[in-house]
C-alpha atoms as a PDB file:
ATOM      1  CA  MET A   1      58.560 102.594 119.375  1.00  0.00           C
ATOM      2  CA  ALA A   2      59.266 105.869 121.089  1.00  0.00           C
ATOM      3  CA  GLY A   3      60.998 108.455 118.821  1.00  0.00           C
ATOM      4  CA  GLY A   4      64.219 110.041 119.318  1.00  0.00           C
ATOM      5  CA  PHE A   5      67.086 109.337 121.710  1.00  0.00           C
ATOM      6  CA  SER A   6      64.958 107.025 124.252  1.00  0.00           C
ATOM      7  CA  GLY A   7      63.559 105.266 121.156  1.00  0.00           C
ATOM      8  CA  TRP A   8      66.959 104.519 119.658  1.00  0.00           C
ATOM      9  CA  LEU A   9      68.098 103.659 123.091  1.00  0.00           C
ATOM     10  CA  ARG A  10      65.604 101.117 124.033  1.00  0.00           C
ATOM     11  CA  HIS A  11      65.750  99.634 120.206  1.00  0.00           C
ATOM     12  CA  ASN A  12      69.363  98.931 120.337  1.00  0.00           C
ATOM     13  CA  ALA A  13      69.439  97.853 124.634  1.00  0.00           C
ATOM     14  CA  GLU A  14      66.792  95.294 123.190  1.00  0.00           C
ATOM     15  CA  HIS A  15      68.232  94.140 120.057  1.00  0.00           C
ATOM     16  CA  TYR A  16      71.945  93.629 121.748  1.00  0.00           C
ATOM     17  CA  LEU A  17      70.385  91.891 125.036  1.00  0.00           C
ATOM     18  CA  LEU A  18      68.848  89.843 123.008  1.00  0.00           C
ATOM     19  CA  VAL A  19      72.017  88.487 120.881  1.00  0.00           C
ATOM     20  CA  ASP A  20      73.835  88.512 124.224  1.00  0.00           C
ATOM     21  CA  ALA A  21      71.267  86.206 125.632  1.00  0.00           C
ATOM     22  CA  GLN A  22      71.460  83.950 122.395  1.00  0.00           C
ATOM     23  CA  ARG A  23      75.393  83.975 122.736  1.00  0.00           C
ATOM     24  CA  LYS A  24      74.578  82.709 126.316  1.00  0.00           C
ATOM     25  CA  LEU A  25      72.545  80.514 125.597  1.00  0.00           C
ATOM     26  CA  SER A  26      74.753  78.959 122.493  1.00  0.00           C
ATOM     27  CA  ILE A  27      77.323  78.388 125.185  1.00  0.00           C
ATOM     28  CA  LYS A  28      75.327  76.488 127.525  1.00  0.00           C
ATOM     29  CA  LEU A  29      73.860  74.452 124.964  1.00  0.00           C
ATOM     30  CA  GLY A  30      76.790  74.134 122.760  1.00  0.00           C
ATOM     31  CA  THR A  31      75.314  75.189 119.778  1.00  0.00           C
ATOM     32  CA  ALA A  32      76.417  77.711 116.967  1.00  0.00           C
ATOM     33  CA  ALA A  33      76.724  81.210 118.572  1.00  0.00           C
ATOM     34  CA  PRO A  34      75.744  84.342 116.667  1.00  0.00           C
ATOM     35  CA  ARG A  35      78.693  86.012 114.652  1.00  0.00           C
ATOM     36  CA  PRO A  36      81.429  88.093 116.995  1.00  0.00           C
ATOM     37  CA  PRO A  37      80.350  91.702 117.235  1.00  0.00           C
ATOM     38  CA  LYS A  38      82.227  94.111 114.313  1.00  0.00           C
ATOM     39  CA  GLY A  39      82.786  97.615 114.400  1.00  0.00           C
ATOM     40  CA  ALA A  40      82.849 100.009 117.359  1.00  0.00           C
ATOM     41  CA  LYS A  41      78.836 100.227 117.888  1.00  0.00           C
ATOM     42  CA  GLU A  42      78.357  96.431 118.174  1.00  0.00           C
ATOM     43  CA  ILE A  43      81.613  95.769 120.343  1.00  0.00           C
ATOM     44  CA  PHE A  44      80.209  99.012 122.661  1.00  0.00           C
ATOM     45  CA  TRP A  45      76.569  97.099 123.033  1.00  0.00           C
ATOM     46  CA  LEU A  46      77.833  93.796 123.312  1.00  0.00           C
ATOM     47  CA  LYS A  47      81.592  94.063 125.043  1.00  0.00           C
ATOM     48  CA  ILE A  48      80.575  96.822 127.308  1.00  0.00           C
ATOM     49  CA  PHE A  49      76.553  97.391 127.736  1.00  0.00           C
ATOM     50  CA  ALA A  50      75.242  93.885 127.841  1.00  0.00           C
ATOM     51  CA  PRO A  51      77.780  92.668 130.454  1.00  0.00           C
ATOM     52  CA  VAL A  52      77.423  96.086 132.888  1.00  0.00           C
ATOM     53  CA  TYR A  53      73.485  95.863 132.580  1.00  0.00           C
ATOM     54  CA  SER A  54      73.393  92.189 133.408  1.00  0.00           C
ATOM     55  CA  VAL A  55      75.161  92.934 136.863  1.00  0.00           C
ATOM     56  CA  LEU A  56      73.067  95.633 138.034  1.00  0.00           C
ATOM     57  CA  PRO A  57      70.693  94.972 140.285  1.00  0.00           C
ATOM     58  CA  TRP A  58      67.048  94.574 139.270  1.00  0.00           C
ATOM     59  CA  PRO A  59      65.905  97.923 141.223  1.00  0.00           C
ATOM     60  CA  LEU A  60      68.473  99.941 139.452  1.00  0.00           C
ATOM     61  CA  ARG A  61      67.424  98.403 136.110  1.00  0.00           C
ATOM     62  CA  HIS A  62      63.404  98.612 136.851  1.00  0.00           C
ATOM     63  CA  SER A  63      64.377 102.370 138.170  1.00  0.00           C
ATOM     64  CA  ILE A  64      66.260 103.159 134.411  1.00  0.00           C
ATOM     65  CA  MET A  65      63.094 101.574 132.724  1.00  0.00           C
ATOM     66  CA  ARG A  66      60.627 103.457 134.396  1.00  0.00           C
ATOM     67  CA  ALA A  67      62.126 106.584 134.041  1.00  0.00           C
ATOM     68  CA  MET A  68      62.712 106.329 129.904  1.00  0.00           C
ATOM     69  CA  PRO A  69      59.677 107.003 127.708  1.00  0.00           C
ATOM     70  CA  GLY A  70      58.256 104.020 126.016  1.00  0.00           C
ATOM     71  CA  SER A  71      55.909 100.979 125.858  1.00  0.00           C
ATOM     72  CA  HIS A  72      57.015  99.791 129.042  1.00  0.00           C
ATOM     73  CA  ARG A  73      55.386 102.534 130.773  1.00  0.00           C
ATOM     74  CA  LYS A  74      51.784 102.089 129.771  1.00  0.00           C
ATOM     75  CA  THR A  75      49.356 100.371 131.777  1.00  0.00           C
ATOM     76  CA  TRP A  76      46.472  98.077 131.464  1.00  0.00           C
ATOM     77  CA  ALA A  77      43.390  99.805 130.600  1.00  0.00           C
ATOM     78  CA  SER A  78      40.530  99.575 133.404  1.00  0.00           C
ATOM     79  CA  PRO A  79      38.000  96.476 132.667  1.00  0.00           C
ATOM     80  CA  PRO A  80      34.734  97.728 131.899  1.00  0.00           C
ATOM     81  CA  PRO A  81      31.953  97.621 134.240  1.00  0.00           C
ATOM     82  CA  LEU A  82      30.283  94.448 134.971  1.00  0.00           C
ATOM     83  CA  GLN A  83      26.853  93.704 133.643  1.00  0.00           C
ATOM     84  CA  GLY A  84      25.165  90.976 135.116  1.00  0.00           C
ATOM     85  CA  PRO A  85      26.260  87.154 134.378  1.00  0.00           C
ATOM     86  CA  ALA A  86      28.432  86.382 131.447  1.00  0.00           C
ATOM     87  CA  VAL A  87      25.911  83.264 130.529  1.00  0.00           C
END
């Protein structure tokens, strides 16, 4: 996880978006939901952040993610050069 503010933001956003997704799925399937939010922190993330994030268009979400430092900005390493047949 990246350090500092961006790491904290990413960690909390991932966690509470997952909790919100579990809540939505439990409603859809009629199963037990995660416990309701308690305290100002959880209320903010689950009642304000998650709903706002879910209505943002993908291009805007993508731009925000690309602007934040973190593992999502890493690219795959280039494949090694081919050295003849694999078999």
